[in-house]
Amino acid sequence: MGTRLCFYHVPSGNEDHEIQPPVIERHPRIVNDTAPDDRWDCDVLDEEGERRLRAVVDEIHQACAALEQ
């Protein structure tokens, strides 16, 4: 566990509801689930990384509040 995050999302208007970045297909016999370094582009110890994480948390809070209505 570290301080860098990789955010997965479904872009708006994506009719196929494909998650981005694409999934790393599991190999049946070896461990190959390591995401490339460039996906881990949010460091929560940086000011920008903290802002991105807080924005995601706020978005989740808003979505949950909308479900309650």
Protein backbone atom coordinates (compact mmCIF):
# COMPACT_ATOMS: atom_id res chain seq x y z
CA MET A 1 0.00 0.00 0.00
CA GLY A 2 1.45 3.35 -1.00
CA THR A 3 0.43 6.94 -1.60
CA ARG A 4 -0.16 6.71 -5.36
CA LEU A 5 -3.60 5.96 -6.79
CA CYS A 6 -4.95 4.81 -10.13
CA PHE A 7 -8.50 5.98 -10.88
CA TYR A 8 -10.78 3.85 -13.03
CA HIS A 9 -13.87 5.42 -14.58
CA VAL A 10 -16.54 5.10 -17.25
CA PRO A 11 -16.40 8.14 -19.54
CA SER A 12 -19.70 10.01 -20.05
CA GLY A 13 -21.44 9.15 -23.25
CA ASN A 14 -19.78 5.72 -23.36
CA GLU A 15 -22.73 3.59 -24.51
CA ASP A 16 -20.83 0.33 -23.93
CA HIS A 17 -20.02 1.32 -20.32
CA GLU A 18 -16.38 0.36 -20.81
CA ILE A 19 -14.14 1.01 -17.82
CA GLN A 20 -11.04 3.09 -18.53
CA PRO A 21 -8.15 2.42 -18.43
CA PRO A 22 -8.75 -1.04 -19.87
CA VAL A 23 -8.66 -4.06 -17.59
CA ILE A 24 -5.52 -6.19 -17.48
CA GLU A 25 -6.67 -9.67 -18.42
CA ARG A 26 -5.82 -12.30 -15.82
CA HIS A 27 -3.43 -15.05 -16.83
CA PRO A 28 -4.63 -18.49 -15.65
CA ARG A 29 -1.25 -19.61 -14.25
CA ILE A 30 0.94 -16.59 -13.47
CA VAL A 31 0.47 -13.29 -11.63
CA ASN A 32 0.21 -10.54 -14.23
CA ASP A 33 -2.10 -8.01 -12.58
CA THR A 34 0.49 -5.25 -12.17
CA ALA A 35 -0.81 -2.03 -13.68
CA PRO A 36 1.75 0.03 -15.63
CA ASP A 37 3.42 2.87 -13.68
CA ASP A 38 1.80 5.58 -15.82
CA ARG A 39 -1.65 4.60 -14.49
CA TRP A 40 -0.61 5.45 -10.91
CA ASP A 41 -0.53 9.18 -11.64
CA CYS A 42 -2.15 10.50 -8.45
CA ASP A 43 0.01 10.91 -5.36
CA VAL A 44 -2.16 11.87 -2.39
CA LEU A 45 0.83 13.53 -0.70
CA ASP A 46 0.96 16.13 -3.50
CA GLU A 47 -1.42 19.09 -3.51
CA GLU A 48 -2.85 18.14 -6.91
CA GLY A 49 -3.24 14.49 -5.87
CA GLU A 50 -5.11 15.48 -2.73
CA ARG A 51 -7.44 17.69 -4.82
CA ARG A 52 -8.14 14.81 -7.23
CA LEU A 53 -8.90 12.39 -4.40
CA ARG A 54 -11.18 14.89 -2.65
CA ALA A 55 -13.01 15.52 -5.95
CA VAL A 56 -13.67 11.78 -6.34
CA VAL A 57 -14.91 11.53 -2.73
CA ASP A 58 -17.20 14.54 -3.27
CA GLU A 59 -18.58 12.98 -6.46
CA ILE A 60 -19.34 9.76 -4.59
CA HIS A 61 -21.04 11.68 -1.76
CA GLN A 62 -23.23 13.53 -4.29
CA ALA A 63 -24.15 10.31 -6.09
CA CYS A 64 -25.10 8.63 -2.79
CA ALA A 65 -27.17 11.65 -1.71
CA ALA A 66 -29.03 11.53 -5.04
CA LEU A 67 -29.93 7.88 -4.39
CA GLU A 68 -31.55 8.79 -1.10
CA GLN A 69 -33.98 11.23 -2.77
